[in-house]
Amino acid sequence: MYPVSDAFLRAIRSNTRKYFWTGTIVTKGGMTYEFGAKEIVKGSGYISRQCCGSTEIELGTVYAAEMGITLLSDIDRYTLEDAQVTLVFHLVLADDSVEDVPMGVFEVSEANRLAKCLELKAYDFMLRFDKSFNGFETVGTAYDFIALCCKRCKVEFANKRAEIDAMPNGGVTLSVYTENDIETCRDVLFYVAQVLGGFFIINREGKLELRKYGKDPVMKVEQRHRFSSSFSDFITRYTAVSSTNKQTQIAEYYALDPDNGLTMNLGVNPLLQFGLKETREMLCRNILTDLSVIRYVPFDSDTIGNPAWIRGMY
C-alpha cells in the first residue's frame, strides 16, 4: 500500500469524497502536455495491475500494468508513439488541503483519434524487458542477473543490492542451464523472481521492484465499503514445492512435515539446474520457507476504490 496520511484514510473512507485527476504527457520529441479533470472524459480512465492470476497465487510473475484514458484533446496522435504518460490522483481532505498519490508512469502503445477525443492505451515499463537476452554465459547472484536486465532495457531497479543479497537464495551464485526456453530479459526476471520467492512489478515511480506476498494485514475493508463479496469456505496454504530436473526429467519434490497443503510447481527453472542435488534442495526449500507462511481465503469482491492500494482499477 502506498504510504498516505491518516487524514487521507479518513477522507477516502467517508461517505462522500472530493477528488480529481491530473496527468502529463511527454513525447519522444520532448513536447510536454498537461491535462486535468476538464480534459478527461468521465468514466474513461482505468489502471489495471496484478501480481498473480485470477485463481491462485504465482511465483515469478512479471505482469505489466495497463492504463487507458480518453481525453478531450487535439494533440496529434502520430506524435504520441512511445510517449510517457504520468497520472496523479488528488484527494481533497477535510481541511480543504489536497494530498497527492502518484499512479504510475506508462508508455503509449495505442493512440486513436475520435471526433473530438483522443483515446490512449499505455503500459508500464515492464514491456521494455521483452528485449532478447543473450547473456547465457552469465554467472552471478540474483542481483547480478537483475542488474544486467535493467541495464539492457533501461529501467532503474528500486531494490538495493544488500536487500536482495539478504533474501533466501539472494547470495547464492547462479548460472543459466544451457538447454532453456529463455528468449527475453522478462523471462530471466521470471526465473530470478521464482528463485527469490517473489514477483516483479513496475512501481509508481517507473522502477522495477521485487516484492513478496505479505502475511500481515495492512487495511480493513468494512462491509459498507464493499458492493459485493463472495468468500470461499477454506484456507489456501502451501506445504510443498516441486522443480523438474532438466537433465533427468524427474520432478524433485520437497515438503514440510506434515505435508497437508498444496504444492507449488516451479516447472523447469534454468537457474535451479546446476550444482549438487543438495544445492538444488537448499534453493527449493528456501523458496518453500517463504511460500509456507502465506495463508489466504480465495474471494471476489467489488469495493469502493482506493488509489493508495497497489493494485486495482479506478
C-alpha atoms as a PDB file:
ATOM      1  CA  MET A   1       0.000   0.000   0.000  1.00  0.00           C
ATOM      2  CA  TYR A   2       1.281   3.460  -0.886  1.00  0.00           C
ATOM      3  CA  PRO A   3       2.055   5.468   2.291  1.00  0.00           C
ATOM      4  CA  VAL A   4      -0.632   8.092   2.908  1.00  0.00           C
ATOM      5  CA  SER A   5      -1.653  10.215   5.880  1.00  0.00           C
ATOM      6  CA  ASP A   6      -4.353   9.376   8.426  1.00  0.00           C
ATOM      7  CA  ALA A   7      -6.326  12.315   7.041  1.00  0.00           C
ATOM      8  CA  PHE A   8      -6.231  10.677   3.598  1.00  0.00           C
ATOM      9  CA  LEU A   9      -7.526   7.394   5.014  1.00  0.00           C
ATOM     10  CA  ARG A  10     -10.353   9.152   6.835  1.00  0.00           C
ATOM     11  CA  ALA A  11     -11.343  11.062   3.709  1.00  0.00           C
ATOM     12  CA  ILE A  12     -11.230   8.028   1.444  1.00  0.00           C
ATOM     13  CA  ARG A  13     -13.450   6.069   3.863  1.00  0.00           C
ATOM     14  CA  SER A  14     -16.049   8.796   4.289  1.00  0.00           C
ATOM     15  CA  ASN A  15     -19.482   8.591   2.684  1.00  0.00           C
ATOM     16  CA  THR A  16     -18.525  11.247   0.146  1.00  0.00           C
ATOM     17  CA  ARG A  17     -15.188  12.236  -1.310  1.00  0.00           C
ATOM     18  CA  LYS A  18     -13.905  15.092  -3.416  1.00  0.00           C
ATOM     19  CA  TYR A  19     -11.058  14.297  -5.757  1.00  0.00           C
ATOM     20  CA  PHE A  20      -9.612  14.962  -9.166  1.00  0.00           C
ATOM     21  CA  TRP A  21      -7.003  13.543 -11.538  1.00  0.00           C
ATOM     22  CA  THR A  22      -4.213  15.206 -13.456  1.00  0.00           C
ATOM     23  CA  GLY A  23      -1.614  13.916 -15.839  1.00  0.00           C
ATOM     24  CA  THR A  24       1.335  14.759 -18.029  1.00  0.00           C
ATOM     25  CA  ILE A  25       2.241  13.500 -21.492  1.00  0.00           C
ATOM     26  CA  VAL A  26       5.857  13.770 -22.635  1.00  0.00           C
ATOM     27  CA  THR A  27       6.558  12.816 -26.243  1.00  0.00           C
ATOM     28  CA  LYS A  28       9.794  11.339 -27.539  1.00  0.00           C
ATOM     29  CA  GLY A  29      10.338  14.659 -29.284  1.00  0.00           C
ATOM     30  CA  GLY A  30      10.355  16.467 -25.949  1.00  0.00           C
ATOM     31  CA  MET A  31       6.899  18.085 -26.099  1.00  0.00           C
ATOM     32  CA  THR A  32       5.002  18.217 -22.792  1.00  0.00           C
ATOM     33  CA  TYR A  33       1.212  18.320 -22.462  1.00  0.00           C
ATOM     34  CA  GLU A  34      -0.594  18.770 -19.148  1.00  0.00           C
ATOM     35  CA  PHE A  35      -4.191  17.635 -18.679  1.00  0.00           C
ATOM     36  CA  GLY A  36      -6.686  17.720 -15.840  1.00  0.00           C
ATOM     37  CA  ALA A  37     -10.247  16.843 -14.933  1.00  0.00           C
ATOM     38  CA  LYS A  38     -11.729  19.080 -17.667  1.00  0.00           C
ATOM     39  CA  GLU A  39      -9.868  17.162 -20.378  1.00  0.00           C
ATOM     40  CA  ILE A  40     -10.609  13.654 -19.076  1.00  0.00           C
ATOM     41  CA  VAL A  41     -13.796  12.091 -20.455  1.00  0.00           C
ATOM     42  CA  LYS A  42     -15.828  10.956 -17.457  1.00  0.00           C
ATOM     43  CA  GLY A  43     -15.629   7.227 -16.770  1.00  0.00           C
ATOM     44  CA  SER A  44     -12.981   6.591 -19.407  1.00  0.00           C
ATOM     45  CA  GLY A  45      -9.920   6.118 -17.234  1.00  0.00           C
ATOM     46  CA  TYR A  46      -8.653   2.874 -15.757  1.00  0.00           C
ATOM     47  CA  ILE A  47      -5.458   1.350 -14.412  1.00  0.00           C
ATOM     48  CA  SER A  48      -5.218  -2.431 -14.190  1.00  0.00           C
ATOM     49  CA  ARG A  49      -2.478  -4.089 -12.150  1.00  0.00           C
ATOM     50  CA  GLN A  50      -1.979  -7.643 -10.923  1.00  0.00           C
ATOM     51  CA  CYS A  51       0.707  -9.745  -9.298  1.00  0.00           C
ATOM     52  CA  CYS A  52      -0.886 -13.159  -9.872  1.00  0.00           C
ATOM     53  CA  GLY A  53      -3.600 -14.913 -11.830  1.00  0.00           C
ATOM     54  CA  SER A  54      -7.290 -14.774 -11.023  1.00  0.00           C
ATOM     55  CA  THR A  55      -7.480 -18.214  -9.401  1.00  0.00           C
ATOM     56  CA  GLU A  56      -4.291 -18.715  -7.384  1.00  0.00           C
ATOM     57  CA  ILE A  57      -1.068 -17.049  -6.329  1.00  0.00           C
ATOM     58  CA  GLU A  58       2.010 -17.424  -8.504  1.00  0.00           C
ATOM     59  CA  LEU A  59       5.748 -17.015  -8.014  1.00  0.00           C
ATOM     60  CA  GLY A  60       7.928 -15.223 -10.525  1.00  0.00           C
ATOM     61  CA  THR A  61       5.236 -13.174 -12.219  1.00  0.00           C
ATOM     62  CA  VAL A  62       6.229 -10.192 -14.362  1.00  0.00           C
ATOM     63  CA  TYR A  63       2.853  -8.707 -15.268  1.00  0.00           C
ATOM     64  CA  ALA A  64       2.673  -5.318 -16.969  1.00  0.00           C
ATOM     65  CA  ALA A  65       0.166  -2.739 -15.746  1.00  0.00           C
ATOM     66  CA  GLU A  66      -2.260  -1.317 -18.315  1.00  0.00           C
ATOM     67  CA  MET A  67      -3.688   2.183 -18.433  1.00  0.00           C
ATOM     68  CA  GLY A  68      -6.434   3.585 -20.633  1.00  0.00           C
ATOM     69  CA  ILE A  69      -7.890   7.079 -20.827  1.00  0.00           C
ATOM     70  CA  THR A  70      -9.857   9.272 -23.222  1.00  0.00           C
ATOM     71  CA  LEU A  71      -9.018  12.975 -23.420  1.00  0.00           C
ATOM     72  CA  LEU A  72     -10.724  15.972 -24.939  1.00  0.00           C
ATOM     73  CA  SER A  73      -7.597  16.995 -26.785  1.00  0.00           C
ATOM     74  CA  ASP A  74      -6.357  17.979 -30.229  1.00  0.00           C
ATOM     75  CA  ILE A  75      -2.875  16.515 -29.750  1.00  0.00           C
ATOM     76  CA  ASP A  76      -1.591  14.913 -32.959  1.00  0.00           C
ATOM     77  CA  ARG A  77      -1.809  11.184 -32.241  1.00  0.00           C
ATOM     78  CA  TYR A  78       1.101  10.445 -34.562  1.00  0.00           C
ATOM     79  CA  THR A  79       3.447  12.264 -32.172  1.00  0.00           C
ATOM     80  CA  LEU A  80       2.492  10.018 -29.259  1.00  0.00           C
ATOM     81  CA  GLU A  81       4.285   6.812 -30.215  1.00  0.00           C
ATOM     82  CA  ASP A  82       6.098   5.629 -27.046  1.00  0.00           C
ATOM     83  CA  ALA A  83       5.203   8.880 -25.287  1.00  0.00           C
ATOM     84  CA  GLN A  84       5.238   8.713 -21.487  1.00  0.00           C
ATOM     85  CA  VAL A  85       2.068   9.384 -19.511  1.00  0.00           C
ATOM     86  CA  THR A  86       2.211  10.149 -15.784  1.00  0.00           C
ATOM     87  CA  LEU A  87      -1.013  10.115 -13.737  1.00  0.00           C
ATOM     88  CA  VAL A  88      -1.652  11.590 -10.285  1.00  0.00           C
ATOM     89  CA  PHE A  89      -4.704  11.201  -8.025  1.00  0.00           C
ATOM     90  CA  HIS A  90      -5.569  14.199  -5.833  1.00  0.00           C
ATOM     91  CA  LEU A  91      -7.833  13.838  -2.796  1.00  0.00           C
ATOM     92  CA  VAL A  92      -9.321  16.853  -1.033  1.00  0.00           C
ATOM     93  CA  LEU A  93      -9.019  16.381   2.738  1.00  0.00           C
ATOM     94  CA  ALA A  94     -11.328  17.608   5.495  1.00  0.00           C
ATOM     95  CA  ASP A  95      -9.341  20.827   5.928  1.00  0.00           C
ATOM     96  CA  ASP A  96      -9.581  21.522   2.154  1.00  0.00           C
ATOM     97  CA  SER A  97      -5.908  20.689   1.625  1.00  0.00           C
ATOM     98  CA  VAL A  98      -5.025  18.268  -1.159  1.00  0.00           C
ATOM     99  CA  GLU A  99      -2.978  15.077  -0.860  1.00  0.00           C
ATOM    100  CA  ASP A 100      -1.451  13.549  -3.989  1.00  0.00           C
ATOM    101  CA  VAL A 101      -0.935   9.889  -4.829  1.00  0.00           C
ATOM    102  CA  PRO A 102       1.203   9.097  -7.903  1.00  0.00           C
ATOM    103  CA  MET A 103      -0.400   6.386 -10.025  1.00  0.00           C
ATOM    104  CA  GLY A 104       2.485   5.379 -12.236  1.00  0.00           C
ATOM    105  CA  VAL A 105       4.369   6.050 -15.444  1.00  0.00           C
ATOM    106  CA  PHE A 106       3.162   4.475 -18.685  1.00  0.00           C
ATOM    107  CA  GLU A 107       4.292   4.344 -22.305  1.00  0.00           C
ATOM    108  CA  VAL A 108       1.682   4.840 -25.028  1.00  0.00           C
ATOM    109  CA  SER A 109       1.078   1.790 -27.213  1.00  0.00           C
ATOM    110  CA  GLU A 110      -2.100   2.967 -28.975  1.00  0.00           C
ATOM    111  CA  ALA A 111      -3.422   6.448 -29.731  1.00  0.00           C
ATOM    112  CA  ASN A 112      -6.728   6.645 -31.594  1.00  0.00           C
ATOM    113  CA  ARG A 113      -8.422   9.829 -32.768  1.00  0.00           C
ATOM    114  CA  LEU A 114     -12.210  10.201 -32.422  1.00  0.00           C
ATOM    115  CA  ALA A 115     -14.268  13.233 -33.438  1.00  0.00           C
ATOM    116  CA  LYS A 116     -13.201  15.415 -30.510  1.00  0.00           C
ATOM    117  CA  CYS A 117     -11.393  12.920 -28.338  1.00  0.00           C
ATOM    118  CA  LEU A 118      -8.091  11.129 -28.108  1.00  0.00           C
ATOM    119  CA  GLU A 119      -8.106   7.539 -26.851  1.00  0.00           C
ATOM    120  CA  LEU A 120      -4.885   6.341 -25.243  1.00  0.00           C
ATOM    121  CA  LYS A 121      -3.825   2.882 -24.174  1.00  0.00           C
ATOM    122  CA  ALA A 122      -0.495   2.533 -22.426  1.00  0.00           C
ATOM    123  CA  TYR A 123       1.569   0.018 -20.441  1.00  0.00           C
ATOM    124  CA  ASP A 124       4.230   0.409 -17.790  1.00  0.00           C
ATOM    125  CA  PHE A 125       7.944  -0.218 -18.304  1.00  0.00           C
ATOM    126  CA  MET A 126       7.633  -3.992 -17.853  1.00  0.00           C
ATOM    127  CA  LEU A 127       7.232  -4.302 -21.627  1.00  0.00           C
ATOM    128  CA  ARG A 128      10.742  -2.921 -22.062  1.00  0.00           C
ATOM    129  CA  PHE A 129      12.042  -6.236 -20.733  1.00  0.00           C
ATOM    130  CA  ASP A 130      10.743  -8.032 -23.828  1.00  0.00           C
ATOM    131  CA  LYS A 131      14.150  -7.413 -25.408  1.00  0.00           C
ATOM    132  CA  SER A 132      16.161 -10.518 -26.307  1.00  0.00           C
ATOM    133  CA  PHE A 133      18.546 -11.901 -23.688  1.00  0.00           C
ATOM    134  CA  ASN A 134      21.980 -13.036 -24.812  1.00  0.00           C
ATOM    135  CA  GLY A 135      23.804 -13.404 -21.506  1.00  0.00           C
ATOM    136  CA  PHE A 136      23.576 -17.174 -21.252  1.00  0.00           C
ATOM    137  CA  GLU A 137      27.158 -17.406 -20.038  1.00  0.00           C
ATOM    138  CA  THR A 138      26.408 -15.047 -17.152  1.00  0.00           C
ATOM    139  CA  VAL A 139      27.300 -16.320 -13.688  1.00  0.00           C
ATOM    140  CA  GLY A 140      26.380 -14.343 -10.600  1.00  0.00           C
ATOM    141  CA  THR A 141      23.882 -13.720  -7.852  1.00  0.00           C
ATOM    142  CA  ALA A 142      20.229 -12.862  -8.373  1.00  0.00           C
ATOM    143  CA  TYR A 143      21.070  -9.161  -8.157  1.00  0.00           C
ATOM    144  CA  ASP A 144      23.654  -9.526 -10.945  1.00  0.00           C
ATOM    145  CA  PHE A 145      21.049 -11.006 -13.296  1.00  0.00           C
ATOM    146  CA  ILE A 146      18.526  -8.302 -12.409  1.00  0.00           C
ATOM    147  CA  ALA A 147      21.070  -5.517 -12.887  1.00  0.00           C
ATOM    148  CA  LEU A 148      22.080  -6.928 -16.265  1.00  0.00           C
ATOM    149  CA  CYS A 149      18.460  -6.936 -17.467  1.00  0.00           C
ATOM    150  CA  CYS A 150      17.787  -3.447 -16.108  1.00  0.00           C
ATOM    151  CA  LYS A 151      20.862  -2.019 -17.820  1.00  0.00           C
ATOM    152  CA  ARG A 152      19.968  -3.596 -21.153  1.00  0.00           C
ATOM    153  CA  CYS A 153      16.332  -2.478 -21.004  1.00  0.00           C
ATOM    154  CA  LYS A 154      16.988   0.972 -19.486  1.00  0.00           C
ATOM    155  CA  VAL A 155      14.838   0.565 -16.381  1.00  0.00           C
ATOM    156  CA  GLU A 156      16.031   1.559 -12.924  1.00  0.00           C
ATOM    157  CA  PHE A 157      15.969  -1.091 -10.177  1.00  0.00           C
ATOM    158  CA  ALA A 158      14.294   0.022  -6.953  1.00  0.00           C
ATOM    159  CA  ASN A 159      15.791  -2.580  -4.584  1.00  0.00           C
ATOM    160  CA  LYS A 160      19.309  -2.227  -3.230  1.00  0.00           C
ATOM    161  CA  ARG A 161      21.899  -4.991  -3.630  1.00  0.00           C
ATOM    162  CA  ALA A 162      22.065  -5.536   0.136  1.00  0.00           C
ATOM    163  CA  GLU A 163      18.299  -6.097   0.249  1.00  0.00           C
ATOM    164  CA  ILE A 164      18.394  -8.745  -2.490  1.00  0.00           C
ATOM    165  CA  ASP A 165      21.539 -10.428  -1.136  1.00  0.00           C
ATOM    166  CA  ALA A 166      19.908 -10.770   2.303  1.00  0.00           C
ATOM    167  CA  MET A 167      16.953 -12.723   0.918  1.00  0.00           C
ATOM    168  CA  PRO A 168      16.901 -16.535   0.999  1.00  0.00           C
ATOM    169  CA  ASN A 169      18.853 -17.619  -2.115  1.00  0.00           C
ATOM    170  CA  GLY A 170      19.906 -13.993  -2.667  1.00  0.00           C
ATOM    171  CA  GLY A 171      23.583 -14.664  -2.002  1.00  0.00           C
ATOM    172  CA  VAL A 172      23.783 -17.933  -3.974  1.00  0.00           C
ATOM    173  CA  THR A 173      25.786 -17.931  -7.218  1.00  0.00           C
ATOM    174  CA  LEU A 174      23.501 -18.827 -10.130  1.00  0.00           C
ATOM    175  CA  SER A 175      24.041 -19.694 -13.779  1.00  0.00           C
ATOM    176  CA  VAL A 176      21.757 -20.419 -16.701  1.00  0.00           C
ATOM    177  CA  TYR A 177      21.406 -24.059 -17.768  1.00  0.00           C
ATOM    178  CA  THR A 178      22.324 -24.465 -21.463  1.00  0.00           C
ATOM    179  CA  GLU A 179      19.033 -26.042 -22.542  1.00  0.00           C
ATOM    180  CA  ASN A 180      16.403 -23.467 -21.663  1.00  0.00           C
ATOM    181  CA  ASP A 181      13.397 -21.613 -23.012  1.00  0.00           C
ATOM    182  CA  ILE A 182      14.702 -18.134 -22.202  1.00  0.00           C
ATOM    183  CA  GLU A 183      14.147 -15.657 -25.012  1.00  0.00           C
ATOM    184  CA  THR A 184      13.831 -12.265 -23.354  1.00  0.00           C
ATOM    185  CA  CYS A 185      15.019 -10.372 -20.290  1.00  0.00           C
ATOM    186  CA  ARG A 186      11.472 -10.677 -18.996  1.00  0.00           C
ATOM    187  CA  ASP A 187      11.888 -14.465 -18.996  1.00  0.00           C
ATOM    188  CA  VAL A 188      15.062 -14.070 -16.944  1.00  0.00           C
ATOM    189  CA  LEU A 189      13.253 -11.891 -14.412  1.00  0.00           C
ATOM    190  CA  PHE A 190      10.529 -14.527 -14.121  1.00  0.00           C
ATOM    191  CA  TYR A 191      13.032 -17.233 -13.174  1.00  0.00           C
ATOM    192  CA  VAL A 192      15.009 -14.947 -10.851  1.00  0.00           C
ATOM    193  CA  ALA A 193      11.830 -13.941  -9.007  1.00  0.00           C
ATOM    194  CA  GLN A 194      10.977 -17.634  -8.558  1.00  0.00           C
ATOM    195  CA  VAL A 195      14.382 -18.274  -7.015  1.00  0.00           C
ATOM    196  CA  LEU A 196      13.835 -15.350  -4.637  1.00  0.00           C
ATOM    197  CA  GLY A 197      10.287 -16.448  -3.776  1.00  0.00           C
ATOM    198  CA  GLY A 198       8.643 -13.259  -5.028  1.00  0.00           C
ATOM    199  CA  PHE A 199       7.435 -11.376  -8.076  1.00  0.00           C
ATOM    200  CA  PHE A 200       8.357  -8.260 -10.056  1.00  0.00           C
ATOM    201  CA  ILE A 201       6.313  -5.141 -10.668  1.00  0.00           C
ATOM    202  CA  ILE A 202       6.978  -1.677 -12.022  1.00  0.00           C
ATOM    203  CA  ASN A 203       6.320   0.667  -9.110  1.00  0.00           C
ATOM    204  CA  ARG A 204       4.679   4.085  -9.177  1.00  0.00           C
ATOM    205  CA  GLU A 205       7.993   5.798  -9.952  1.00  0.00           C
ATOM    206  CA  GLY A 206       8.577   3.630 -13.019  1.00  0.00           C
ATOM    207  CA  LYS A 207      11.242   1.449 -11.379  1.00  0.00           C
ATOM    208  CA  LEU A 208      11.468  -2.337 -11.384  1.00  0.00           C
ATOM    209  CA  GLU A 209      10.793  -3.678  -7.895  1.00  0.00           C
ATOM    210  CA  LEU A 210      10.892  -7.141  -6.366  1.00  0.00           C
ATOM    211  CA  ARG A 211       8.094  -7.816  -3.906  1.00  0.00           C
ATOM    212  CA  LYS A 212       6.901 -10.744  -1.855  1.00  0.00           C
ATOM    213  CA  TYR A 213       3.466 -11.783  -0.691  1.00  0.00           C
ATOM    214  CA  GLY A 214       2.816 -10.403   2.771  1.00  0.00           C
ATOM    215  CA  LYS A 215       1.183 -12.127   5.694  1.00  0.00           C
ATOM    216  CA  ASP A 216       0.299  -9.089   7.793  1.00  0.00           C
ATOM    217  CA  PRO A 217      -2.941  -7.117   7.185  1.00  0.00           C
ATOM    218  CA  VAL A 218      -2.478  -3.534   6.031  1.00  0.00           C
ATOM    219  CA  MET A 219      -6.088  -2.361   5.862  1.00  0.00           C
ATOM    220  CA  LYS A 220      -9.568  -3.431   6.900  1.00  0.00           C
ATOM    221  CA  VAL A 221     -12.226  -3.148   4.184  1.00  0.00           C
ATOM    222  CA  GLU A 222     -15.504  -2.815   6.051  1.00  0.00           C
ATOM    223  CA  GLN A 223     -18.806  -4.150   4.768  1.00  0.00           C
ATOM    224  CA  ARG A 224     -20.130  -0.682   3.984  1.00  0.00           C
ATOM    225  CA  HIS A 225     -17.222  -0.208   1.575  1.00  0.00           C
ATOM    226  CA  ARG A 226     -17.978  -3.422  -0.333  1.00  0.00           C
ATOM    227  CA  PHE A 227     -20.662  -3.557  -3.012  1.00  0.00           C
ATOM    228  CA  SER A 228     -20.484  -7.349  -3.167  1.00  0.00           C
ATOM    229  CA  SER A 229     -18.401 -10.134  -1.632  1.00  0.00           C
ATOM    230  CA  SER A 230     -18.049 -13.868  -2.167  1.00  0.00           C
ATOM    231  CA  PHE A 231     -15.706 -15.834   0.092  1.00  0.00           C
ATOM    232  CA  SER A 232     -14.564 -19.459  -0.128  1.00  0.00           C
ATOM    233  CA  ASP A 233     -15.010 -21.702   2.907  1.00  0.00           C
ATOM    234  CA  PHE A 234     -11.384 -22.873   3.064  1.00  0.00           C
ATOM    235  CA  ILE A 235      -7.903 -21.505   3.668  1.00  0.00           C
ATOM    236  CA  THR A 236      -5.307 -21.947   0.940  1.00  0.00           C
ATOM    237  CA  ARG A 237      -1.756 -22.746   2.032  1.00  0.00           C
ATOM    238  CA  TYR A 238       1.321 -24.407   0.541  1.00  0.00           C
ATOM    239  CA  THR A 239       3.435 -27.091   2.194  1.00  0.00           C
ATOM    240  CA  ALA A 240       5.498 -28.332  -0.759  1.00  0.00           C
ATOM    241  CA  VAL A 241       7.279 -27.286  -3.938  1.00  0.00           C
ATOM    242  CA  SER A 242       8.344 -29.315  -6.941  1.00  0.00           C
ATOM    243  CA  SER A 243      11.001 -28.470  -9.505  1.00  0.00           C
ATOM    244  CA  THR A 244      11.821 -30.505 -12.600  1.00  0.00           C
ATOM    245  CA  ASN A 245      15.434 -31.523 -13.125  1.00  0.00           C
ATOM    246  CA  LYS A 246      16.027 -30.881 -16.833  1.00  0.00           C
ATOM    247  CA  GLN A 247      18.849 -33.427 -17.094  1.00  0.00           C
ATOM    248  CA  THR A 248      16.969 -36.343 -15.533  1.00  0.00           C
ATOM    249  CA  GLN A 249      13.437 -35.184 -16.470  1.00  0.00           C
ATOM    250  CA  ILE A 250      12.406 -36.008 -12.894  1.00  0.00           C
ATOM    251  CA  ALA A 251      10.308 -33.693 -10.736  1.00  0.00           C
ATOM    252  CA  GLU A 252      12.089 -33.234  -7.411  1.00  0.00           C
ATOM    253  CA  TYR A 253       9.634 -32.828  -4.547  1.00  0.00           C
ATOM    254  CA  TYR A 254      10.335 -31.005  -1.279  1.00  0.00           C
ATOM    255  CA  ALA A 255       7.777 -30.739   1.515  1.00  0.00           C
ATOM    256  CA  LEU A 256       7.211 -29.676   5.084  1.00  0.00           C
ATOM    257  CA  ASP A 257       6.208 -32.090   7.805  1.00  0.00           C
ATOM    258  CA  PRO A 258       3.277 -32.526   7.874  1.00  0.00           C
ATOM    259  CA  ASP A 259       2.691 -32.172   4.145  1.00  0.00           C
ATOM    260  CA  ASN A 260      -1.030 -31.484   4.135  1.00  0.00           C
ATOM    261  CA  GLY A 261      -1.351 -28.436   1.880  1.00  0.00           C
ATOM    262  CA  LEU A 262      -0.957 -27.518  -1.782  1.00  0.00           C
ATOM    263  CA  THR A 263       2.166 -27.951  -3.907  1.00  0.00           C
ATOM    264  CA  MET A 264       3.705 -25.068  -5.865  1.00  0.00           C
ATOM    265  CA  ASN A 265       5.046 -26.381  -9.173  1.00  0.00           C
ATOM    266  CA  LEU A 266       8.110 -24.372 -10.239  1.00  0.00           C
ATOM    267  CA  GLY A 267       8.405 -26.205 -13.547  1.00  0.00           C
ATOM    268  CA  VAL A 268      11.793 -26.261 -15.262  1.00  0.00           C
ATOM    269  CA  ASN A 269      13.674 -23.253 -13.931  1.00  0.00           C
ATOM    270  CA  PRO A 270      17.045 -22.887 -15.761  1.00  0.00           C
ATOM    271  CA  LEU A 271      18.548 -21.269 -12.652  1.00  0.00           C
ATOM    272  CA  LEU A 272      17.747 -24.313 -10.491  1.00  0.00           C
ATOM    273  CA  GLN A 273      19.607 -26.899 -12.575  1.00  0.00           C
ATOM    274  CA  PHE A 274      23.316 -26.664 -11.767  1.00  0.00           C
ATOM    275  CA  GLY A 275      25.032 -27.974  -8.680  1.00  0.00           C
ATOM    276  CA  LEU A 276      24.615 -30.973  -6.448  1.00  0.00           C
ATOM    277  CA  LYS A 277      21.215 -32.305  -5.539  1.00  0.00           C
ATOM    278  CA  GLU A 278      21.807 -30.895  -2.067  1.00  0.00           C
ATOM    279  CA  THR A 279      22.264 -27.411  -3.559  1.00  0.00           C
ATOM    280  CA  ARG A 280      19.021 -27.629  -5.533  1.00  0.00           C
ATOM    281  CA  GLU A 281      17.246 -28.882  -2.441  1.00  0.00           C
ATOM    282  CA  MET A 282      18.554 -25.935  -0.435  1.00  0.00           C
ATOM    283  CA  LEU A 283      17.311 -23.478  -3.067  1.00  0.00           C
ATOM    284  CA  CYS A 284      13.884 -25.098  -3.271  1.00  0.00           C
ATOM    285  CA  ARG A 285      13.480 -25.346   0.495  1.00  0.00           C
ATOM    286  CA  ASN A 286      14.341 -21.670   0.856  1.00  0.00           C
ATOM    287  CA  ILE A 287      11.579 -20.892  -1.641  1.00  0.00           C
ATOM    288  CA  LEU A 288       9.224 -23.124   0.332  1.00  0.00           C
ATOM    289  CA  THR A 289      10.087 -21.271   3.543  1.00  0.00           C
ATOM    290  CA  ASP A 290       8.830 -18.013   2.017  1.00  0.00           C
ATOM    291  CA  LEU A 291       5.818 -19.688   0.472  1.00  0.00           C
ATOM    292  CA  SER A 292       4.662 -21.626   3.523  1.00  0.00           C
ATOM    293  CA  VAL A 293       3.884 -18.511   5.587  1.00  0.00           C
ATOM    294  CA  ILE A 294       1.167 -17.475   3.117  1.00  0.00           C
ATOM    295  CA  ARG A 295      -2.392 -18.336   4.088  1.00  0.00           C
ATOM    296  CA  TYR A 296      -5.346 -16.817   2.295  1.00  0.00           C
ATOM    297  CA  VAL A 297      -9.042 -17.320   1.656  1.00  0.00           C
ATOM    298  CA  PRO A 298      -9.961 -17.003  -2.048  1.00  0.00           C
ATOM    299  CA  PHE A 299     -12.639 -14.371  -2.592  1.00  0.00           C
ATOM    300  CA  ASP A 300     -14.221 -11.995  -5.088  1.00  0.00           C
ATOM    301  CA  SER A 301     -15.270  -8.518  -4.082  1.00  0.00           C
ATOM    302  CA  ASP A 302     -16.305  -5.211  -5.630  1.00  0.00           C
ATOM    303  CA  THR A 303     -15.189  -2.363  -3.393  1.00  0.00           C
ATOM    304  CA  ILE A 304     -15.004   1.403  -3.355  1.00  0.00           C
ATOM    305  CA  GLY A 305     -11.650   2.183  -4.950  1.00  0.00           C
ATOM    306  CA  ASN A 306      -8.660   3.436  -3.007  1.00  0.00           C
ATOM    307  CA  PRO A 307      -5.771   4.618  -5.208  1.00  0.00           C
ATOM    308  CA  ALA A 308      -3.345   4.046  -2.331  1.00  0.00           C
ATOM    309  CA  TRP A 309      -3.770   0.321  -2.862  1.00  0.00           C
ATOM    310  CA  ILE A 310      -1.087  -1.245  -5.024  1.00  0.00           C
ATOM    311  CA  ARG A 311      -3.459  -2.973  -7.432  1.00  0.00           C
ATOM    312  CA  GLY A 312      -6.883  -2.240  -8.799  1.00  0.00           C
ATOM    313  CA  MET A 313      -8.902  -0.276 -11.309  1.00  0.00           C
ATOM    314  CA  TYR A 314     -10.033   3.295 -10.752  1.00  0.00           C
END
